[in-house]
């Protein structure tokens, strides 16, 4: 009988402990569109800041409205590792690496663009090469024809309106 009571008591305690548990995810950035940053479906509303009607890719002008920080390359290399960052790179870069997941970045002339943060959205004025090393990335360039190497799934890239 004692074993039965102990078993019932144990089950009752487990039920009380587990029954009262709940998890709520709260987005602390209520101003961000529900699907952005990181949306790669150009037909879906909510792409960060909007899209070019002609290509479905994000535009510089639309993304600039939502950017919060500025960075500089000084003509050299820059890595943006912060997840969810929204940034403008205000000068030209030799190598720009966007390694933060769900980052939204607008930049000028970039020799080598590397996107290693899943769900990132990047618009550059131009690039000589684009390397995509993460899934669900959106990359747009306003001019030129960069050499693109895509190592991941779900990426969208191409020329966007300036």
Protein backbone atom coordinates (compact mmCIF):
# COMPACT_ATOMS: atom_id res chain seq x y z
CA UNK A 1 0.00 0.00 0.00
CA UNK A 2 2.86 2.35 0.78
CA UNK A 3 4.31 1.79 -2.68
CA UNK A 4 0.95 2.57 -4.26
CA UNK A 5 0.70 5.84 -2.29
CA UNK A 6 4.25 6.80 -3.26
CA UNK A 7 3.49 6.09 -6.93
CA UNK A 8 0.25 8.10 -6.85
CA UNK A 9 1.98 10.93 -5.00
CA UNK A 10 4.81 10.96 -7.56
CA UNK A 11 2.39 11.00 -10.49
CA UNK A 12 0.33 13.73 -8.83
CA UNK A 13 3.40 15.91 -8.28
CA UNK A 14 4.53 15.39 -11.86
CA UNK A 15 1.07 16.34 -13.13
CA UNK A 16 1.03 19.51 -11.04
CA UNK A 17 4.51 20.50 -12.11
CA UNK A 18 4.02 19.73 -15.80
CA UNK A 19 0.43 20.94 -15.97
CA UNK A 20 1.35 24.45 -14.91
CA UNK A 21 4.12 24.91 -17.47
CA UNK A 22 3.75 27.12 -20.50
CA UNK A 23 6.05 28.96 -22.84
CA UNK A 24 5.39 32.27 -24.54
CA UNK A 25 7.68 33.78 -27.16
CA UNK A 26 7.54 37.56 -27.20
CA UNK A 27 9.14 39.57 -30.00
CA UNK A 28 10.73 42.64 -28.44
CA UNK A 29 10.82 44.42 -31.81
CA UNK A 30 7.16 45.03 -32.58
CA UNK A 31 8.02 47.40 -35.44
CA UNK A 32 9.59 44.68 -37.60
CA UNK A 33 7.28 43.06 -40.20
CA UNK A 34 6.20 39.59 -39.09
CA UNK A 35 8.26 37.72 -41.70
CA UNK A 36 11.31 39.98 -41.77
CA UNK A 37 14.26 40.00 -41.70
CA UNK A 38 15.19 36.92 -43.59
CA UNK A 39 12.17 36.42 -45.81
CA UNK A 40 13.26 34.92 -49.11
CA UNK A 41 9.93 34.59 -50.90
CA UNK A 42 9.76 37.74 -53.05
CA UNK A 43 6.02 37.34 -53.56
CA UNK A 44 5.36 37.46 -49.84
CA UNK A 45 4.55 40.79 -48.23
CA UNK A 46 6.75 41.59 -45.27
CA UNK A 47 10.09 41.34 -47.06
CA UNK A 48 12.32 43.73 -45.13
CA UNK A 49 11.26 47.21 -46.12
CA UNK A 50 9.67 46.20 -49.42
CA UNK A 51 10.67 44.89 -52.80
CA UNK A 52 11.44 46.03 -56.30
CA UNK A 53 8.31 45.57 -58.39
CA UNK A 54 10.42 44.50 -61.38
CA UNK A 55 12.48 41.77 -59.71
CA UNK A 56 10.83 40.97 -56.39
CA UNK A 57 14.15 41.62 -54.63
CA UNK A 58 14.53 44.18 -51.84
CA UNK A 59 15.63 47.68 -52.83
CA UNK A 60 18.17 49.97 -51.19
CA UNK A 61 15.65 52.76 -50.70
CA UNK A 62 13.11 50.51 -49.01
CA UNK A 63 15.64 48.88 -46.68
CA UNK A 64 17.25 52.19 -45.66
CA UNK A 65 14.02 53.21 -43.92
CA UNK A 66 14.42 50.48 -41.29
CA UNK A 67 18.19 50.51 -40.68
CA UNK A 68 19.39 51.33 -37.18
CA UNK A 69 23.19 51.32 -37.26
CA UNK A 70 26.01 52.51 -39.50
CA UNK A 71 29.35 50.77 -40.01
CA UNK A 72 32.49 51.51 -41.98
CA UNK A 73 34.97 49.28 -43.80
CA UNK A 74 37.53 51.97 -44.48
CA UNK A 75 38.11 50.25 -47.82
CA UNK A 76 39.11 47.04 -46.02
CA UNK A 77 37.23 44.11 -44.54
CA UNK A 78 34.19 44.08 -42.26
CA UNK A 79 32.28 41.28 -40.54
CA UNK A 80 28.77 41.93 -39.22
CA UNK A 81 28.26 39.03 -36.76
CA UNK A 82 25.24 40.28 -34.79
CA UNK A 83 22.05 38.28 -35.35
CA UNK A 84 19.13 40.44 -36.35
CA UNK A 85 21.28 43.50 -37.00
CA UNK A 86 19.91 46.16 -39.35
CA UNK A 87 22.86 48.11 -40.70
CA UNK A 88 24.17 50.34 -43.45
CA UNK A 89 27.81 50.11 -44.48
CA UNK A 90 28.56 53.69 -45.46
CA UNK A 91 31.72 53.15 -47.52
CA UNK A 92 33.23 50.62 -49.89
CA UNK A 93 34.60 47.26 -48.71
CA UNK A 94 37.18 44.81 -49.95
CA UNK A 95 35.38 41.93 -48.20
CA UNK A 96 32.03 42.30 -46.46
CA UNK A 97 30.99 39.27 -44.44
CA UNK A 98 27.46 39.14 -43.06
CA UNK A 99 27.63 36.34 -40.51
CA UNK A 100 24.75 37.37 -38.27
CA UNK A 101 21.59 35.34 -38.77
CA UNK A 102 18.57 37.32 -39.97
CA UNK A 103 20.71 40.42 -40.56
CA UNK A 104 19.53 43.17 -42.91
CA UNK A 105 22.45 45.04 -44.52
CA UNK A 106 22.76 47.74 -47.17
CA UNK A 107 26.23 48.47 -48.57
CA UNK A 108 28.03 50.28 -51.38
CA UNK A 109 30.72 48.84 -53.63
CA UNK A 110 31.94 45.47 -52.35
CA UNK A 111 34.69 43.41 -53.95
CA UNK A 112 33.78 40.14 -52.18
CA UNK A 113 30.45 39.66 -50.40
CA UNK A 114 30.15 36.62 -48.14
CA UNK A 115 26.78 35.87 -46.56
CA UNK A 116 27.14 33.28 -43.79
CA UNK A 117 24.17 34.23 -41.60
CA UNK A 118 21.03 32.21 -42.24
CA UNK A 119 18.06 34.30 -43.26
CA UNK A 120 20.14 37.42 -44.02
CA UNK A 121 19.05 40.07 -46.53
CA UNK A 122 21.80 42.10 -48.22
CA UNK A 123 21.64 44.82 -50.90
CA UNK A 124 24.89 46.17 -52.37
CA UNK A 125 25.55 48.78 -55.02
CA UNK A 126 27.79 46.24 -56.77
CA UNK A 127 30.02 43.26 -56.02
CA UNK A 128 32.67 41.36 -57.94
CA UNK A 129 31.78 38.09 -56.20
CA UNK A 130 28.99 36.85 -53.95
CA UNK A 131 29.38 33.73 -51.81
CA UNK A 132 26.30 32.37 -50.06
CA UNK A 133 27.17 30.01 -47.21
CA UNK A 134 23.83 29.98 -45.36
CA UNK A 135 20.24 28.97 -46.03
CA UNK A 136 17.35 31.30 -46.85
CA UNK A 137 19.51 34.25 -47.86
CA UNK A 138 18.41 37.14 -50.08
CA UNK A 139 21.11 39.10 -51.93
CA UNK A 140 20.53 41.89 -54.44
CA UNK A 141 22.97 44.08 -56.34
CA UNK A 142 22.14 47.25 -58.22
CA UNK A 143 24.80 47.02 -60.92
CA UNK A 144 27.33 44.69 -62.45
CA UNK A 145 27.32 40.94 -62.82
CA UNK A 146 29.02 39.34 -59.81
CA UNK A 147 30.25 35.77 -59.83
CA UNK A 148 27.84 33.93 -57.48
CA UNK A 149 28.72 30.81 -55.53
CA UNK A 150 25.72 29.42 -53.67
CA UNK A 151 26.53 26.66 -51.15
CA UNK A 152 23.14 26.63 -49.41
CA UNK A 153 19.46 26.05 -50.02
CA UNK A 154 16.63 28.52 -50.31
CA UNK A 155 18.64 31.52 -51.50
CA UNK A 156 17.28 34.30 -53.68
CA UNK A 157 19.67 36.62 -55.51
CA UNK A 158 19.90 38.89 -58.52
CA UNK A 159 19.78 42.44 -59.80
CA UNK A 160 17.47 44.85 -58.02
CA UNK A 161 16.41 48.38 -58.89
CA UNK A 162 18.57 51.09 -57.29
